[in-house]
N, C-alpha and C. Protein backbone atom coordinates (compact mmCIF):
# COMPACT_ATOMS: atom_id res chain seq x y z
N UNK A 1 24.58 35.36 -14.33
CA UNK A 1 25.06 34.77 -15.54
C UNK A 1 24.05 34.99 -16.57
N UNK A 2 24.41 35.20 -17.80
CA UNK A 2 23.52 35.61 -18.89
C UNK A 2 23.05 34.40 -19.62
N UNK A 3 23.48 33.21 -19.40
CA UNK A 3 22.95 32.02 -20.00
C UNK A 3 23.62 31.88 -21.34
N UNK A 4 24.79 32.25 -21.56
CA UNK A 4 25.58 32.22 -22.80
C UNK A 4 25.84 30.80 -22.94
N UNK A 5 25.45 30.20 -24.10
CA UNK A 5 25.80 28.75 -24.43
C UNK A 5 26.95 28.62 -25.22
N UNK A 6 27.61 29.76 -25.60
CA UNK A 6 28.91 29.60 -26.43
C UNK A 6 30.12 29.42 -25.57
N UNK A 7 30.03 29.45 -24.22
CA UNK A 7 31.17 29.16 -23.35
C UNK A 7 31.35 27.64 -23.28
N UNK A 8 32.58 27.21 -23.71
CA UNK A 8 32.98 25.85 -23.72
C UNK A 8 33.05 25.34 -22.26
N UNK A 9 32.56 24.05 -22.12
CA UNK A 9 32.64 23.49 -20.86
C UNK A 9 33.83 22.54 -20.77
N UNK A 10 34.58 22.50 -19.78
CA UNK A 10 35.67 21.62 -19.65
C UNK A 10 35.23 20.30 -19.00
N UNK A 11 35.33 19.18 -19.76
CA UNK A 11 34.87 17.91 -19.12
C UNK A 11 35.81 17.48 -18.10
N UNK A 12 35.13 16.95 -16.98
CA UNK A 12 35.85 16.33 -15.82
C UNK A 12 36.26 14.95 -16.26
N UNK A 13 37.46 14.51 -16.31
CA UNK A 13 37.79 13.10 -16.65
C UNK A 13 37.18 12.01 -15.79
N UNK A 14 36.77 11.09 -16.29
CA UNK A 14 36.37 9.85 -15.64
C UNK A 14 35.15 10.00 -14.68
N UNK A 15 34.31 11.00 -14.84
CA UNK A 15 33.24 11.21 -13.96
C UNK A 15 31.90 10.95 -14.69
N UNK A 16 31.16 10.15 -14.05
CA UNK A 16 29.72 9.91 -14.58
C UNK A 16 28.78 10.29 -13.32
N UNK A 17 27.85 11.12 -13.56
CA UNK A 17 26.97 11.52 -12.39
C UNK A 17 25.94 10.49 -12.36
N UNK A 18 25.57 9.74 -13.37
CA UNK A 18 24.51 8.70 -13.29
C UNK A 18 25.05 7.31 -12.87
N UNK A 19 26.18 7.05 -13.34
CA UNK A 19 26.82 5.68 -13.09
C UNK A 19 28.16 5.78 -12.59
N UNK A 20 28.61 4.97 -11.53
CA UNK A 20 29.96 5.10 -11.01
C UNK A 20 30.94 4.61 -12.08
N UNK A 21 32.11 5.29 -12.19
CA UNK A 21 33.19 4.90 -13.06
C UNK A 21 33.84 3.66 -12.49
N UNK A 22 34.23 2.71 -13.43
CA UNK A 22 34.92 1.48 -13.08
C UNK A 22 36.37 1.78 -12.97
N UNK A 23 36.83 2.14 -11.76
CA UNK A 23 38.28 2.68 -11.71
C UNK A 23 39.20 1.60 -12.08
N UNK A 24 38.98 0.33 -11.99
CA UNK A 24 39.77 -0.76 -12.40
C UNK A 24 40.01 -0.61 -13.92
N UNK A 25 39.02 -0.24 -14.73
CA UNK A 25 39.08 -0.17 -16.13
C UNK A 25 39.89 1.06 -16.50
N UNK A 26 39.72 2.18 -15.70
CA UNK A 26 40.56 3.33 -15.98
C UNK A 26 41.96 3.02 -15.70
N UNK A 27 42.29 2.38 -14.61
CA UNK A 27 43.73 2.08 -14.34
C UNK A 27 44.25 1.12 -15.38
N UNK A 28 43.58 0.11 -15.78
CA UNK A 28 43.95 -0.84 -16.76
C UNK A 28 44.30 -0.17 -18.09
N UNK A 29 43.44 0.77 -18.47
CA UNK A 29 43.66 1.47 -19.77
C UNK A 29 44.90 2.40 -19.71
N UNK A 30 44.99 3.00 -18.43
CA UNK A 30 46.25 3.74 -18.24
C UNK A 30 47.39 2.93 -18.29
N UNK A 31 47.46 1.76 -17.77
CA UNK A 31 48.68 1.01 -17.85
C UNK A 31 48.96 0.57 -19.30
N UNK A 32 48.02 0.51 -20.22
CA UNK A 32 48.22 0.39 -21.60
C UNK A 32 48.59 1.70 -22.43
N UNK A 33 48.65 2.75 -21.62
CA UNK A 33 49.01 4.01 -22.26
C UNK A 33 47.86 4.68 -23.02
N UNK A 34 46.64 4.37 -22.66
CA UNK A 34 45.51 5.10 -23.17
C UNK A 34 45.57 6.57 -22.92
N UNK A 35 45.02 7.39 -23.82
CA UNK A 35 44.97 8.80 -23.68
C UNK A 35 43.73 9.19 -22.88
N UNK A 36 43.61 10.43 -22.36
CA UNK A 36 42.45 10.83 -21.63
C UNK A 36 41.15 10.60 -22.50
N UNK A 37 41.31 10.99 -23.92
CA UNK A 37 40.16 10.79 -24.70
C UNK A 37 39.72 9.43 -24.82
N UNK A 38 40.58 8.52 -24.95
CA UNK A 38 40.22 7.12 -25.09
C UNK A 38 39.60 6.64 -23.78
N UNK A 39 40.08 7.04 -22.55
CA UNK A 39 39.52 6.59 -21.31
C UNK A 39 38.14 7.09 -21.25
N UNK A 40 37.95 8.34 -21.57
CA UNK A 40 36.65 8.90 -21.44
C UNK A 40 35.65 8.28 -22.33
N UNK A 41 36.18 7.92 -23.56
CA UNK A 41 35.18 7.08 -24.41
C UNK A 41 34.70 5.85 -23.81
N UNK A 42 35.50 5.11 -23.15
CA UNK A 42 35.12 3.96 -22.43
C UNK A 42 34.04 4.28 -21.35
N UNK A 43 34.42 5.27 -20.58
CA UNK A 43 33.59 5.73 -19.43
C UNK A 43 32.25 6.20 -19.87
N UNK A 44 32.22 7.05 -20.96
CA UNK A 44 30.93 7.51 -21.43
C UNK A 44 30.06 6.35 -21.93
N UNK A 45 30.56 5.31 -22.44
CA UNK A 45 29.91 4.21 -22.95
C UNK A 45 29.58 3.22 -21.77
N UNK A 46 29.92 3.62 -20.48
CA UNK A 46 29.67 2.78 -19.24
C UNK A 46 30.21 1.39 -19.35
N UNK A 47 31.40 1.20 -19.99
CA UNK A 47 32.01 -0.06 -19.97
C UNK A 47 32.68 -0.32 -18.59
N UNK A 48 32.71 -1.60 -18.22
CA UNK A 48 33.53 -1.93 -17.14
C UNK A 48 34.65 -2.77 -17.55
N UNK A 49 35.73 -2.98 -16.65
CA UNK A 49 36.85 -3.86 -16.94
C UNK A 49 36.26 -5.22 -17.40
N UNK A 50 35.35 -5.72 -16.59
CA UNK A 50 34.81 -7.07 -16.97
C UNK A 50 34.28 -7.09 -18.41
N UNK A 51 33.43 -6.06 -18.70
CA UNK A 51 32.78 -6.02 -20.08
C UNK A 51 33.93 -6.03 -21.22
N UNK A 52 34.98 -5.16 -20.90
CA UNK A 52 36.06 -5.17 -21.97
C UNK A 52 36.84 -6.47 -22.01
N UNK A 53 37.05 -7.13 -20.85
CA UNK A 53 37.83 -8.42 -20.97
C UNK A 53 37.00 -9.65 -21.43
N UNK A 54 35.74 -9.41 -21.31
CA UNK A 54 34.94 -10.72 -21.55
C UNK A 54 33.95 -10.48 -22.77
N UNK A 55 33.42 -9.30 -23.04
CA UNK A 55 32.39 -9.16 -23.91
C UNK A 55 32.76 -8.31 -25.19
N UNK A 56 33.65 -7.44 -25.12
CA UNK A 56 33.95 -6.38 -26.14
C UNK A 56 34.52 -7.17 -27.42
N UNK A 57 34.10 -6.57 -28.56
CA UNK A 57 34.60 -7.14 -29.86
C UNK A 57 35.51 -6.06 -30.50
N UNK A 58 36.31 -6.39 -31.45
CA UNK A 58 37.13 -5.46 -32.12
C UNK A 58 36.21 -4.43 -32.73
N UNK A 59 35.20 -4.71 -33.29
CA UNK A 59 34.10 -3.74 -33.94
C UNK A 59 33.66 -2.78 -32.87
N UNK A 60 33.36 -3.27 -31.55
CA UNK A 60 33.07 -2.41 -30.52
C UNK A 60 34.11 -1.25 -30.25
N UNK A 61 35.33 -1.79 -30.22
CA UNK A 61 36.52 -0.90 -30.05
C UNK A 61 36.51 0.17 -31.27
N UNK A 62 36.31 -0.26 -32.39
CA UNK A 62 36.32 0.62 -33.55
C UNK A 62 35.33 1.69 -33.43
N UNK A 63 34.18 1.28 -32.98
CA UNK A 63 33.05 2.17 -32.76
C UNK A 63 33.37 3.37 -31.80
N UNK A 64 34.37 3.07 -30.84
CA UNK A 64 34.70 4.06 -29.85
C UNK A 64 35.65 5.20 -30.52
N UNK A 65 35.90 5.03 -31.81
CA UNK A 65 36.75 5.95 -32.56
C UNK A 65 38.21 6.15 -31.99
N UNK A 66 38.81 5.07 -31.58
CA UNK A 66 40.07 4.99 -30.93
C UNK A 66 41.12 5.27 -32.00
N UNK A 67 42.28 5.78 -31.84
CA UNK A 67 43.21 5.90 -32.65
C UNK A 67 43.86 4.46 -32.95
N UNK A 68 44.49 4.26 -34.09
CA UNK A 68 45.02 3.03 -34.47
C UNK A 68 45.86 2.33 -33.50
N UNK A 69 46.86 3.04 -32.93
CA UNK A 69 47.86 2.47 -32.01
C UNK A 69 47.15 2.00 -30.73
N UNK A 70 46.18 2.97 -30.23
CA UNK A 70 45.50 2.61 -29.00
C UNK A 70 44.46 1.43 -29.25
N UNK A 71 43.82 1.42 -30.32
CA UNK A 71 42.97 0.25 -30.67
C UNK A 71 43.80 -0.94 -30.61
N UNK A 72 44.91 -0.93 -31.37
CA UNK A 72 45.76 -2.24 -31.43
C UNK A 72 46.21 -2.65 -30.02
N UNK A 73 46.70 -1.76 -29.21
CA UNK A 73 47.17 -1.99 -27.86
C UNK A 73 46.15 -2.64 -26.98
N UNK A 74 44.96 -1.96 -26.92
CA UNK A 74 43.82 -2.44 -26.13
C UNK A 74 43.35 -3.88 -26.71
N UNK A 75 43.24 -3.92 -28.04
CA UNK A 75 42.85 -5.22 -28.51
C UNK A 75 43.72 -6.31 -28.25
N UNK A 76 44.97 -6.14 -28.27
CA UNK A 76 46.06 -7.12 -28.05
C UNK A 76 46.05 -7.51 -26.56
N UNK A 77 45.84 -6.49 -25.80
CA UNK A 77 45.71 -6.80 -24.27
C UNK A 77 44.45 -7.65 -23.96
N UNK A 78 43.35 -7.39 -24.64
CA UNK A 78 42.11 -8.17 -24.37
C UNK A 78 42.43 -9.54 -24.90
N UNK A 79 43.00 -9.75 -26.02
CA UNK A 79 43.25 -11.09 -26.58
C UNK A 79 44.29 -11.88 -25.68
N UNK A 80 45.20 -11.10 -25.21
CA UNK A 80 46.24 -11.79 -24.29
C UNK A 80 45.51 -12.35 -22.96
N UNK A 81 44.51 -11.58 -22.58
CA UNK A 81 43.76 -11.95 -21.25
C UNK A 81 43.03 -13.20 -21.64
N UNK A 82 42.44 -13.25 -22.82
CA UNK A 82 41.61 -14.29 -23.18
C UNK A 82 42.39 -15.55 -23.43
N UNK A 83 43.63 -15.46 -23.92
CA UNK A 83 44.58 -16.58 -24.01
C UNK A 83 45.31 -16.89 -22.76
N UNK A 84 45.03 -16.16 -21.63
CA UNK A 84 45.59 -16.46 -20.30
C UNK A 84 47.05 -15.80 -20.19
N UNK A 85 47.32 -14.92 -21.05
CA UNK A 85 48.64 -14.21 -20.91
C UNK A 85 48.37 -12.95 -20.10
N UNK A 86 49.45 -12.43 -19.49
CA UNK A 86 49.25 -11.17 -18.78
C UNK A 86 50.00 -10.04 -19.73
N UNK A 87 49.46 -8.90 -19.54
CA UNK A 87 50.08 -7.74 -20.38
C UNK A 87 51.06 -6.99 -19.53
C-alpha cells in the first residue's frame, strides 16, 4: 500500500475499540427510529442508556447535531421516562 490518505474509510456502525458500545442504548434509539448517523453520534460520545435517561439535557442532545425530528423524538422519550410513561 502506498499510504494514500485520500481513500475514504467506511465507518463500522456502533463500534468503539476503546470502550464497549451500550447495546441497550443502540436498541432503544433504533426503537425510536434514529438513523445510523444519530446512533453513531451517541456511541462516539460514549453515552449509555442510563446517561441518556438520567443525565442528558436537551442542550446535550442539540450538541450532537441531531436533526429536528430525531431530537424531538428522543427528547420526548427521555421526558416520558422521567415522568414514568413508556414509549
